[in-house]
Amino acid sequence: MQFIFDTPRLMALAETESQAYRSAQPFPHRVVENFLRADAARALADAIPAADSGLPWDRYAAEGFEMKLASSREDVLPETVCRALHELNAGPMLRFLEALTGIDHLLPDPQLLGGGVHLVGRGGHLGVHADFNWHPGLQAHRRINLLLYLNDSWDPAWGGDLELWSTDAARREKSIAPLFNRAVIFNTRSDTFHGHPAPLATPEGVWRRSIAMYYYTTTRPEDELREPHNTRYKGMHLP
């Protein structure tokens, strides 16, 4: 079976980049260009529904903290999108992520809690935050985020860079533009702060498009253990 990603290429990348991933600052992460096969990335981007398509989007509208549309509903998403979600949750992807991150026994999330397709339009944003750390449905710890961007001809003037912040949420450490077929993979802990907090300056009708996938384990290192919590926003839940 030919997956939407090139499995041998990703496994070779994991072998050469695993040390860099684990030592990256401000927390373990890696940016991977051309994450999907070119034809698969193009097909996936073309299949993502428009904001005005009539899809029953989940709408997040906490001004100052989060404004976006999202859907993880495989009963209404196009077949091409559903196939991508399934393959990003499949064994070959899990094996790649384990090899890259050093986190073993990863579990996919067939419920796609908080994941799936994300659209952010003009004025939209995602405040600096640390993600929820516990999946009550899976009874598992959230360990890895994979964000795949599908934005053609992205103008830097529009903003929308993913920002990685220091683990005390005091300062931005790195900015990553949401370019087409670029994936950002990073560890998920209670102190891995990130977001794109500045309101987008895209033209009307242009949306920042991404696929968000999250991966879990049944245990985690003792020094990372925290009581289960929801998303923790800088400025709402912490200074």
C-alpha atoms as a PDB file:
ATOM      1  CA  MET A   1       0.000   0.000   0.000  1.00  0.00           C
ATOM      2  CA  GLN A   2       1.236   3.465  -0.858  1.00  0.00           C
ATOM      3  CA  PHE A   3       0.614   5.847   2.015  1.00  0.00           C
ATOM      4  CA  ILE A   4       0.201   9.594   1.630  1.00  0.00           C
ATOM      5  CA  PHE A   5       3.710   9.874   3.084  1.00  0.00           C
ATOM      6  CA  ASP A   6       6.939   8.206   1.959  1.00  0.00           C
ATOM      7  CA  THR A   7       7.570   5.763   4.812  1.00  0.00           C
ATOM      8  CA  PRO A   8      11.225   4.910   4.011  1.00  0.00           C
ATOM      9  CA  ARG A   9      12.060   8.620   3.702  1.00  0.00           C
ATOM     10  CA  LEU A  10      10.455   9.429   7.041  1.00  0.00           C
ATOM     11  CA  MET A  11      12.208   6.541   8.805  1.00  0.00           C
ATOM     12  CA  ALA A  12      15.552   7.676   7.385  1.00  0.00           C
ATOM     13  CA  LEU A  13      14.784  11.199   8.563  1.00  0.00           C
ATOM     14  CA  ALA A  14      13.978   9.902  12.051  1.00  0.00           C
ATOM     15  CA  GLU A  15      17.343   8.184  12.206  1.00  0.00           C
ATOM     16  CA  THR A  16      19.289  11.309  11.242  1.00  0.00           C
ATOM     17  CA  GLU A  17      17.155  13.870  13.105  1.00  0.00           C
ATOM     18  CA  SER A  18      16.235  12.131  16.361  1.00  0.00           C
ATOM     19  CA  GLN A  19      19.076  13.641  18.379  1.00  0.00           C
ATOM     20  CA  ALA A  20      18.345  17.127  17.044  1.00  0.00           C
ATOM     21  CA  TYR A  21      14.661  16.641  17.857  1.00  0.00           C
ATOM     22  CA  ARG A  22      15.296  15.649  21.455  1.00  0.00           C
ATOM     23  CA  SER A  23      17.802  18.439  22.132  1.00  0.00           C
ATOM     24  CA  ALA A  24      15.844  21.226  20.407  1.00  0.00           C
ATOM     25  CA  GLN A  25      14.917  24.348  22.346  1.00  0.00           C
ATOM     26  CA  PRO A  26      12.705  25.561  23.908  1.00  0.00           C
ATOM     27  CA  PHE A  27      11.371  21.972  23.953  1.00  0.00           C
ATOM     28  CA  PRO A  28      11.796  18.930  21.715  1.00  0.00           C
ATOM     29  CA  HIS A  29      10.552  19.596  18.201  1.00  0.00           C
ATOM     30  CA  ARG A  30      11.349  19.340  14.513  1.00  0.00           C
ATOM     31  CA  VAL A  31      10.152  21.023  11.331  1.00  0.00           C
ATOM     32  CA  VAL A  32       9.794  18.638   8.378  1.00  0.00           C
ATOM     33  CA  GLU A  33       9.459  20.025   4.866  1.00  0.00           C
ATOM     34  CA  ASN A  34       7.547  18.147   2.162  1.00  0.00           C
ATOM     35  CA  PHE A  35       6.017  15.922   4.815  1.00  0.00           C
ATOM     36  CA  LEU A  36       3.551  14.211   2.481  1.00  0.00           C
ATOM     37  CA  ARG A  37       4.168  12.974  -1.023  1.00  0.00           C
ATOM     38  CA  ALA A  38       3.649  15.947  -3.339  1.00  0.00           C
ATOM     39  CA  ASP A  39       0.614  14.501  -5.100  1.00  0.00           C
ATOM     40  CA  ALA A  40      -1.008  13.525  -1.799  1.00  0.00           C
ATOM     41  CA  ALA A  41      -0.406  16.961  -0.277  1.00  0.00           C
ATOM     42  CA  ARG A  42      -1.981  18.623  -3.306  1.00  0.00           C
ATOM     43  CA  ALA A  43      -4.995  16.319  -3.237  1.00  0.00           C
ATOM     44  CA  LEU A  44      -5.471  16.847   0.491  1.00  0.00           C
ATOM     45  CA  ALA A  45      -5.234  20.629   0.222  1.00  0.00           C
ATOM     46  CA  ASP A  46      -7.743  20.638  -2.630  1.00  0.00           C
ATOM     47  CA  ALA A  47     -10.159  18.469  -0.627  1.00  0.00           C
ATOM     48  CA  ILE A  48     -10.287  20.584   2.533  1.00  0.00           C
ATOM     49  CA  PRO A  49     -13.737  22.171   2.646  1.00  0.00           C
ATOM     50  CA  ALA A  50     -14.034  25.937   2.431  1.00  0.00           C
ATOM     51  CA  ALA A  51     -15.234  27.829   5.463  1.00  0.00           C
ATOM     52  CA  ASP A  52     -18.513  28.603   3.670  1.00  0.00           C
ATOM     53  CA  SER A  53     -19.020  25.061   2.353  1.00  0.00           C
ATOM     54  CA  GLY A  54     -21.912  24.338   4.676  1.00  0.00           C
ATOM     55  CA  LEU A  55     -19.867  21.866   6.743  1.00  0.00           C
ATOM     56  CA  PRO A  56     -21.037  21.915  10.385  1.00  0.00           C
ATOM     57  CA  TRP A  57     -17.833  23.459  11.727  1.00  0.00           C
ATOM     58  CA  ASP A  58     -17.005  23.687  15.409  1.00  0.00           C
ATOM     59  CA  ARG A  59     -16.524  27.399  16.069  1.00  0.00           C
ATOM     60  CA  TYR A  60     -14.048  28.634  18.672  1.00  0.00           C
ATOM     61  CA  ALA A  61     -14.564  32.293  19.489  1.00  0.00           C
ATOM     62  CA  ALA A  62     -12.892  33.274  22.767  1.00  0.00           C
ATOM     63  CA  GLU A  63     -11.612  36.671  21.623  1.00  0.00           C
ATOM     64  CA  GLY A  64      -8.043  37.257  22.726  1.00  0.00           C
ATOM     65  CA  PHE A  65      -7.422  33.545  23.140  1.00  0.00           C
ATOM     66  CA  GLU A  66      -8.819  31.500  20.255  1.00  0.00           C
ATOM     67  CA  MET A  67     -10.774  32.173  17.066  1.00  0.00           C
ATOM     68  CA  LYS A  68     -10.959  29.374  14.503  1.00  0.00           C
ATOM     69  CA  LEU A  69     -13.096  26.758  12.768  1.00  0.00           C
ATOM     70  CA  ALA A  70     -12.429  23.060  13.259  1.00  0.00           C
ATOM     71  CA  SER A  71     -13.826  19.680  12.304  1.00  0.00           C
ATOM     72  CA  SER A  72     -12.895  16.122  13.190  1.00  0.00           C
ATOM     73  CA  ARG A  73     -16.178  14.656  11.952  1.00  0.00           C
ATOM     74  CA  GLU A  74     -15.345  11.880   9.551  1.00  0.00           C
ATOM     75  CA  ASP A  75     -19.045  11.496   8.745  1.00  0.00           C
ATOM     76  CA  VAL A  76     -19.051  14.871   6.978  1.00  0.00           C
ATOM     77  CA  LEU A  77     -15.427  15.418   5.879  1.00  0.00           C
ATOM     78  CA  PRO A  78     -14.462  14.445   2.309  1.00  0.00           C
ATOM     79  CA  GLU A  79     -13.087  10.967   1.679  1.00  0.00           C
ATOM     80  CA  THR A  80      -9.624  12.311   0.790  1.00  0.00           C
ATOM     81  CA  VAL A  81      -9.410  14.126   4.116  1.00  0.00           C
ATOM     82  CA  CYS A  82     -10.632  11.085   6.033  1.00  0.00           C
ATOM     83  CA  ARG A  83      -8.023   8.896   4.340  1.00  0.00           C
ATOM     84  CA  ALA A  84      -5.298  11.317   5.395  1.00  0.00           C
ATOM     85  CA  LEU A  85      -6.519  11.325   8.996  1.00  0.00           C
ATOM     86  CA  HIS A  86      -6.579   7.529   9.057  1.00  0.00           C
ATOM     87  CA  GLU A  87      -3.073   7.187   7.631  1.00  0.00           C
ATOM     88  CA  LEU A  88      -1.657   9.790  10.007  1.00  0.00           C
ATOM     89  CA  ASN A  89      -3.086   7.594  12.781  1.00  0.00           C
ATOM     90  CA  ALA A  90      -1.723   4.354  11.266  1.00  0.00           C
ATOM     91  CA  GLY A  91       1.148   2.122  12.345  1.00  0.00           C
ATOM     92  CA  PRO A  92       3.825   3.445   9.963  1.00  0.00           C
ATOM     93  CA  MET A  93       3.284   7.003  11.214  1.00  0.00           C
ATOM     94  CA  LEU A  94       3.409   5.870  14.836  1.00  0.00           C
ATOM     95  CA  ARG A  95       6.671   4.024  14.204  1.00  0.00           C
ATOM     96  CA  PHE A  96       8.180   7.117  12.591  1.00  0.00           C
ATOM     97  CA  LEU A  97       7.128   9.315  15.505  1.00  0.00           C
ATOM     98  CA  GLU A  98       8.485   6.838  18.057  1.00  0.00           C
ATOM     99  CA  ALA A  99      11.826   6.723  16.243  1.00  0.00           C
ATOM    100  CA  LEU A 100      12.029  10.506  15.918  1.00  0.00           C
ATOM    101  CA  THR A 101      10.928  11.440  19.431  1.00  0.00           C
ATOM    102  CA  GLY A 102      12.158   8.518  21.500  1.00  0.00           C
ATOM    103  CA  ILE A 103       8.671   8.142  22.987  1.00  0.00           C
ATOM    104  CA  ASP A 104       7.643   4.497  22.784  1.00  0.00           C
ATOM    105  CA  HIS A 105       4.249   2.789  22.825  1.00  0.00           C
ATOM    106  CA  LEU A 106       2.433   5.650  21.130  1.00  0.00           C
ATOM    107  CA  LEU A 107      -1.317   5.448  20.701  1.00  0.00           C
ATOM    108  CA  PRO A 108      -3.321   7.172  17.948  1.00  0.00           C
ATOM    109  CA  ASP A 109      -6.545   8.980  18.720  1.00  0.00           C
ATOM    110  CA  PRO A 110      -9.397   7.641  16.580  1.00  0.00           C
ATOM    111  CA  GLN A 111     -11.670  10.168  18.316  1.00  0.00           C
ATOM    112  CA  LEU A 112      -9.499  13.071  17.091  1.00  0.00           C
ATOM    113  CA  LEU A 113     -10.176  15.017  20.277  1.00  0.00           C
ATOM    114  CA  GLY A 114      -9.308  18.643  19.462  1.00  0.00           C
ATOM    115  CA  GLY A 115      -7.707  17.570  16.197  1.00  0.00           C
ATOM    116  CA  GLY A 116      -8.677  17.219  12.547  1.00  0.00           C
ATOM    117  CA  VAL A 117      -9.016  20.138  10.142  1.00  0.00           C
ATOM    118  CA  HIS A 118      -8.403  23.657  11.480  1.00  0.00           C
ATOM    119  CA  LEU A 119      -9.172  26.894   9.611  1.00  0.00           C
ATOM    120  CA  VAL A 120      -8.235  30.375  10.824  1.00  0.00           C
ATOM    121  CA  GLY A 121      -9.384  33.424   8.887  1.00  0.00           C
ATOM    122  CA  ARG A 122      -8.798  37.153   8.927  1.00  0.00           C
ATOM    123  CA  GLY A 123      -8.560  38.382  12.527  1.00  0.00           C
ATOM    124  CA  GLY A 124      -8.336  34.830  13.857  1.00  0.00           C
ATOM    125  CA  HIS A 125      -5.660  33.753  16.283  1.00  0.00           C
ATOM    126  CA  LEU A 126      -4.606  31.147  18.817  1.00  0.00           C
ATOM    127  CA  GLY A 127      -3.244  32.505  22.072  1.00  0.00           C
ATOM    128  CA  VAL A 128      -0.048  31.194  23.626  1.00  0.00           C
ATOM    129  CA  HIS A 129      -1.015  28.062  25.532  1.00  0.00           C
ATOM    130  CA  ALA A 130      -0.081  24.617  26.773  1.00  0.00           C
ATOM    131  CA  ASP A 131      -2.437  21.897  25.551  1.00  0.00           C
ATOM    132  CA  PHE A 132      -4.683  19.650  27.589  1.00  0.00           C
ATOM    133  CA  ASN A 133      -2.606  16.812  28.976  1.00  0.00           C
ATOM    134  CA  TRP A 134      -5.100  13.958  29.440  1.00  0.00           C
ATOM    135  CA  HIS A 135      -7.556  12.275  27.090  1.00  0.00           C
ATOM    136  CA  PRO A 136     -10.491  11.065  29.193  1.00  0.00           C
ATOM    137  CA  GLY A 137     -11.818   8.845  26.410  1.00  0.00           C
ATOM    138  CA  LEU A 138      -8.528   7.023  25.880  1.00  0.00           C
ATOM    139  CA  GLN A 139      -7.472   7.336  29.527  1.00  0.00           C
ATOM    140  CA  ALA A 140      -4.062   8.340  28.219  1.00  0.00           C
ATOM    141  CA  HIS A 141      -1.466  11.107  28.409  1.00  0.00           C
ATOM    142  CA  ARG A 142      -1.040  13.485  25.477  1.00  0.00           C
ATOM    143  CA  ARG A 143       2.582  13.289  24.330  1.00  0.00           C
ATOM    144  CA  ILE A 144       3.068  14.551  20.750  1.00  0.00           C
ATOM    145  CA  ASN A 145       1.490  17.158  18.467  1.00  0.00           C
ATOM    146  CA  LEU A 146       1.801  16.937  14.692  1.00  0.00           C
ATOM    147  CA  LEU A 147       0.677  20.049  12.806  1.00  0.00           C
ATOM    148  CA  LEU A 148       0.586  19.873   9.003  1.00  0.00           C
ATOM    149  CA  TYR A 149       0.153  23.123   7.073  1.00  0.00           C
ATOM    150  CA  LEU A 150      -1.544  23.298   3.669  1.00  0.00           C
ATOM    151  CA  ASN A 151      -1.290  26.961   2.701  1.00  0.00           C
ATOM    152  CA  ASP A 152      -0.372  27.930  -0.858  1.00  0.00           C
ATOM    153  CA  SER A 153       1.638  31.098  -1.503  1.00  0.00           C
ATOM    154  CA  TRP A 154       1.541  32.237   2.111  1.00  0.00           C
ATOM    155  CA  ASP A 155       2.492  35.912   2.452  1.00  0.00           C
ATOM    156  CA  PRO A 156       4.653  36.609   5.541  1.00  0.00           C
ATOM    157  CA  ALA A 157       2.802  39.905   5.946  1.00  0.00           C
ATOM    158  CA  TRP A 158      -0.326  37.953   6.859  1.00  0.00           C
ATOM    159  CA  GLY A 159       1.273  36.635  10.066  1.00  0.00           C
ATOM    160  CA  GLY A 160       0.159  33.248  11.318  1.00  0.00           C
ATOM    161  CA  ASP A 161       3.583  31.881  12.255  1.00  0.00           C
ATOM    162  CA  LEU A 162       3.514  29.127  14.844  1.00  0.00           C
ATOM    163  CA  GLU A 163       5.377  30.518  17.851  1.00  0.00           C
ATOM    164  CA  LEU A 164       7.227  28.286  20.298  1.00  0.00           C
ATOM    165  CA  TRP A 165       7.630  29.944  23.698  1.00  0.00           C
ATOM    166  CA  SER A 166       9.883  29.320  26.651  1.00  0.00           C
ATOM    167  CA  THR A 167       8.656  26.742  29.140  1.00  0.00           C
ATOM    168  CA  ASP A 168       7.840  29.509  31.641  1.00  0.00           C
ATOM    169  CA  ALA A 169       5.693  31.246  28.981  1.00  0.00           C
ATOM    170  CA  ALA A 170       7.828  34.377  29.373  1.00  0.00           C
ATOM    171  CA  ARG A 171       9.098  34.891  25.822  1.00  0.00           C
ATOM    172  CA  ARG A 172       8.842  33.705  22.233  1.00  0.00           C
ATOM    173  CA  GLU A 173      11.793  31.532  21.248  1.00  0.00           C
ATOM    174  CA  LYS A 174      11.024  30.493  17.665  1.00  0.00           C
ATOM    175  CA  SER A 175       8.620  31.325  14.827  1.00  0.00           C
ATOM    176  CA  ILE A 176       7.673  28.867  12.079  1.00  0.00           C
ATOM    177  CA  ALA A 177       5.754  29.991   8.992  1.00  0.00           C
ATOM    178  CA  PRO A 178       2.720  27.808   8.089  1.00  0.00           C
ATOM    179  CA  LEU A 179       3.986  26.885   4.630  1.00  0.00           C
ATOM    180  CA  PHE A 180       2.524  24.305   2.277  1.00  0.00           C
ATOM    181  CA  ASN A 181       3.295  20.665   3.178  1.00  0.00           C
ATOM    182  CA  ARG A 182       5.382  21.692   6.183  1.00  0.00           C
ATOM    183  CA  ALA A 183       4.892  19.666   9.364  1.00  0.00           C
ATOM    184  CA  VAL A 184       5.852  20.693  12.869  1.00  0.00           C
ATOM    185  CA  ILE A 185       6.186  17.897  15.408  1.00  0.00           C
ATOM    186  CA  PHE A 186       6.745  18.607  19.090  1.00  0.00           C
ATOM    187  CA  ASN A 187       6.419  17.089  22.530  1.00  0.00           C
ATOM    188  CA  THR A 188       3.266  17.943  24.455  1.00  0.00           C
ATOM    189  CA  ARG A 189       3.746  18.704  28.132  1.00  0.00           C
ATOM    190  CA  SER A 190       2.151  21.105  30.586  1.00  0.00           C
ATOM    191  CA  ASP A 191       4.926  23.615  29.827  1.00  0.00           C
ATOM    192  CA  THR A 192       5.262  23.381  26.029  1.00  0.00           C
ATOM    193  CA  PHE A 193       3.767  26.783  25.256  1.00  0.00           C
ATOM    194  CA  HIS A 194       2.938  27.677  21.675  1.00  0.00           C
ATOM    195  CA  GLY A 195       0.375  29.490  19.533  1.00  0.00           C
ATOM    196  CA  HIS A 196      -0.088  32.154  16.860  1.00  0.00           C
ATOM    197  CA  PRO A 197      -1.397  34.996  19.031  1.00  0.00           C
ATOM    198  CA  ALA A 198      -1.388  37.952  16.627  1.00  0.00           C
ATOM    199  CA  PRO A 199      -4.646  38.324  14.640  1.00  0.00           C
ATOM    200  CA  LEU A 200      -4.216  37.188  11.045  1.00  0.00           C
ATOM    201  CA  ALA A 201      -4.036  39.881   8.378  1.00  0.00           C
ATOM    202  CA  THR A 202      -5.105  37.622   5.510  1.00  0.00           C
ATOM    203  CA  PRO A 203      -7.354  38.948   2.745  1.00  0.00           C
ATOM    204  CA  GLU A 204     -11.024  38.130   3.194  1.00  0.00           C
ATOM    205  CA  GLY A 205     -11.637  34.560   2.117  1.00  0.00           C
ATOM    206  CA  VAL A 206      -8.044  33.394   2.672  1.00  0.00           C
ATOM    207  CA  TRP A 207      -7.713  30.913   5.514  1.00  0.00           C
ATOM    208  CA  ARG A 208      -4.766  29.457   7.405  1.00  0.00           C
ATOM    209  CA  ARG A 209      -5.332  25.720   6.876  1.00  0.00           C
ATOM    210  CA  SER A 210      -3.851  22.902   8.903  1.00  0.00           C
ATOM    211  CA  ILE A 211      -4.334  19.306   9.987  1.00  0.00           C
ATOM    212  CA  ALA A 212      -3.758  18.668  13.693  1.00  0.00           C
ATOM    213  CA  MET A 213      -2.966  15.191  14.996  1.00  0.00           C
ATOM    214  CA  TYR A 214      -2.222  14.246  18.601  1.00  0.00           C
ATOM    215  CA  TYR A 215      -0.648  11.086  20.001  1.00  0.00           C
ATOM    216  CA  TYR A 216      -0.779   9.504  23.445  1.00  0.00           C
ATOM    217  CA  THR A 217       0.756   6.976  25.838  1.00  0.00           C
ATOM    218  CA  THR A 218      -0.679   5.177  28.855  1.00  0.00           C
ATOM    219  CA  THR A 219       2.232   6.360  31.038  1.00  0.00           C
ATOM    220  CA  ARG A 220       4.626   9.297  31.046  1.00  0.00           C
ATOM    221  CA  PRO A 221       7.866  10.265  32.858  1.00  0.00           C
ATOM    222  CA  GLU A 222       7.317  11.077  36.505  1.00  0.00           C
ATOM    223  CA  ASP A 223       8.789  14.571  36.160  1.00  0.00           C
ATOM    224  CA  GLU A 224       6.134  15.388  33.520  1.00  0.00           C
ATOM    225  CA  LEU A 225       3.152  14.189  35.531  1.00  0.00           C
ATOM    226  CA  ARG A 226       0.537  16.824  36.362  1.00  0.00           C
ATOM    227  CA  GLU A 227      -3.097  16.651  37.376  1.00  0.00           C
ATOM    228  CA  PRO A 228      -5.322  16.452  34.288  1.00  0.00           C
ATOM    229  CA  HIS A 229      -6.000  19.915  32.923  1.00  0.00           C
ATOM    230  CA  ASN A 230      -7.605  21.573  29.921  1.00  0.00           C
ATOM    231  CA  THR A 231      -5.824  24.040  27.645  1.00  0.00           C
ATOM    232  CA  ARG A 232      -3.881  26.571  29.742  1.00  0.00           C
ATOM    233  CA  TYR A 233      -3.751  30.020  28.132  1.00  0.00           C
ATOM    234  CA  LYS A 234      -1.199  32.677  28.920  1.00  0.00           C
ATOM    235  CA  GLY A 235      -3.228  35.628  30.172  1.00  0.00           C
ATOM    236  CA  MET A 236      -6.203  33.514  31.223  1.00  0.00           C
ATOM    237  CA  HIS A 237      -4.873  30.697  33.390  1.00  0.00           C
ATOM    238  CA  LEU A 238      -1.346  31.925  34.031  1.00  0.00           C
ATOM    239  CA  PRO A 239       0.511  35.271  33.839  1.00  0.00           C
END
